[in-house]
N, C-alpha and C. Protein backbone atom coordinates (compact mmCIF):
# COMPACT_ATOMS: atom_id res chain seq x y z
N MET A 1 -5.66 -4.04 150.74
CA MET A 1 -5.51 -4.62 149.41
C MET A 1 -6.08 -6.04 149.34
N PHE A 2 -5.79 -6.83 150.37
CA PHE A 2 -6.25 -8.20 150.41
C PHE A 2 -7.78 -8.26 150.50
N ILE A 3 -8.36 -7.42 151.33
CA ILE A 3 -9.81 -7.39 151.52
C ILE A 3 -10.49 -6.97 150.21
N THR A 4 -9.94 -5.99 149.53
CA THR A 4 -10.52 -5.57 148.24
C THR A 4 -10.49 -6.69 147.22
N THR A 5 -9.40 -7.44 147.16
CA THR A 5 -9.30 -8.57 146.24
C THR A 5 -10.33 -9.64 146.56
N VAL A 6 -10.44 -9.99 147.84
CA VAL A 6 -11.41 -11.01 148.24
C VAL A 6 -12.82 -10.58 147.93
N LEU A 7 -13.16 -9.31 148.22
CA LEU A 7 -14.50 -8.82 147.93
C LEU A 7 -14.77 -8.79 146.41
N GLY A 8 -13.79 -8.41 145.63
CA GLY A 8 -13.97 -8.38 144.17
C GLY A 8 -14.18 -9.76 143.61
N VAL A 9 -13.38 -10.73 144.01
CA VAL A 9 -13.51 -12.08 143.54
C VAL A 9 -14.86 -12.68 143.99
N SER A 10 -15.29 -12.39 145.20
CA SER A 10 -16.57 -12.86 145.69
C SER A 10 -17.71 -12.27 144.89
N ALA A 11 -17.65 -10.97 144.56
CA ALA A 11 -18.68 -10.35 143.76
C ALA A 11 -18.76 -10.95 142.36
N VAL A 12 -17.61 -11.20 141.74
CA VAL A 12 -17.61 -11.81 140.42
C VAL A 12 -18.20 -13.24 140.47
N LEU A 13 -17.87 -13.98 141.50
CA LEU A 13 -18.44 -15.35 141.64
C LEU A 13 -19.93 -15.28 141.85
N LEU A 14 -20.42 -14.37 142.68
CA LEU A 14 -21.86 -14.26 142.92
C LEU A 14 -22.61 -13.86 141.63
N ILE A 15 -22.06 -12.92 140.89
CA ILE A 15 -22.71 -12.50 139.65
C ILE A 15 -22.73 -13.62 138.62
N SER A 16 -21.60 -14.35 138.50
CA SER A 16 -21.58 -15.45 137.54
C SER A 16 -22.52 -16.58 137.95
N MET A 17 -22.63 -16.85 139.25
CA MET A 17 -23.58 -17.88 139.71
C MET A 17 -25.01 -17.44 139.44
N GLY A 18 -25.29 -16.16 139.60
CA GLY A 18 -26.62 -15.63 139.29
C GLY A 18 -26.98 -15.81 137.83
N PHE A 19 -26.04 -15.49 136.94
CA PHE A 19 -26.26 -15.69 135.51
C PHE A 19 -26.46 -17.15 135.19
N PHE A 20 -25.69 -18.05 135.83
CA PHE A 20 -25.82 -19.46 135.56
C PHE A 20 -27.17 -20.01 136.01
N ILE A 21 -27.62 -19.60 137.20
CA ILE A 21 -28.92 -20.02 137.70
C ILE A 21 -30.04 -19.48 136.80
N HIS A 22 -29.90 -18.26 136.37
CA HIS A 22 -30.88 -17.67 135.44
C HIS A 22 -30.91 -18.45 134.14
N TYR A 23 -29.75 -18.87 133.65
CA TYR A 23 -29.70 -19.66 132.41
C TYR A 23 -30.39 -21.01 132.61
N LEU A 24 -30.17 -21.62 133.78
CA LEU A 24 -30.80 -22.93 134.02
C LEU A 24 -32.30 -22.80 134.11
N GLN A 25 -32.78 -21.70 134.67
CA GLN A 25 -34.24 -21.53 134.84
C GLN A 25 -34.90 -21.13 133.53
N VAL A 26 -34.30 -20.26 132.76
CA VAL A 26 -34.94 -19.69 131.55
C VAL A 26 -34.47 -20.39 130.29
N GLY A 27 -33.18 -20.61 130.14
CA GLY A 27 -32.63 -21.14 128.90
C GLY A 27 -32.97 -22.60 128.70
N LEU A 28 -33.12 -23.35 129.77
CA LEU A 28 -33.43 -24.77 129.67
C LEU A 28 -34.86 -25.09 130.04
N ASP A 29 -35.79 -24.17 129.73
CA ASP A 29 -37.19 -24.38 130.06
C ASP A 29 -37.75 -25.47 129.18
N SER A 30 -38.26 -26.53 129.77
CA SER A 30 -38.72 -27.68 129.02
C SER A 30 -40.04 -27.41 128.30
N LYS A 31 -40.79 -26.42 128.74
CA LYS A 31 -42.07 -26.15 128.09
C LYS A 31 -41.91 -25.57 126.69
N SER A 32 -40.80 -24.84 126.48
CA SER A 32 -40.59 -24.21 125.18
C SER A 32 -39.82 -25.10 124.20
N SER A 33 -39.44 -26.27 124.63
CA SER A 33 -38.67 -27.17 123.79
C SER A 33 -39.60 -27.90 122.81
N VAL A 34 -39.04 -28.31 121.70
CA VAL A 34 -39.83 -29.05 120.68
C VAL A 34 -39.33 -30.49 120.67
N THR A 35 -40.21 -31.38 120.22
CA THR A 35 -39.82 -32.81 120.13
C THR A 35 -39.00 -33.00 118.89
N VAL A 36 -37.80 -33.54 119.07
CA VAL A 36 -36.89 -33.70 117.95
C VAL A 36 -37.27 -34.94 117.14
N ASP A 37 -37.52 -36.05 117.80
CA ASP A 37 -37.81 -37.31 117.12
C ASP A 37 -39.08 -37.88 117.73
N PRO A 38 -40.26 -37.51 117.24
CA PRO A 38 -41.49 -38.01 117.85
C PRO A 38 -41.72 -39.48 117.56
N GLN A 39 -42.51 -40.11 118.41
CA GLN A 39 -42.83 -41.51 118.23
C GLN A 39 -43.78 -41.64 117.01
N PRO A 40 -43.54 -42.63 116.14
CA PRO A 40 -44.42 -42.76 114.96
C PRO A 40 -45.83 -43.11 115.36
N LYS A 41 -46.80 -42.58 114.58
CA LYS A 41 -48.20 -42.81 114.90
C LYS A 41 -48.70 -44.17 114.39
N GLU A 42 -48.21 -44.63 113.23
CA GLU A 42 -48.68 -45.90 112.69
C GLU A 42 -47.76 -47.03 113.17
N LYS A 43 -48.38 -48.19 113.44
CA LYS A 43 -47.62 -49.38 113.87
C LYS A 43 -47.50 -50.31 112.67
N TYR A 44 -46.37 -51.00 112.56
CA TYR A 44 -46.15 -51.94 111.48
C TYR A 44 -46.23 -53.36 112.00
């Protein structure tokens, strides 16, 4: 029973870490982001 619990919790942690790493690699891709507040072109 104890070994099954440890293996189950370890599997859930590994899967959640995999999803988190995938989110960091794909969801936060800086190439697909847009500039929110660009620098003004004309100088005053």
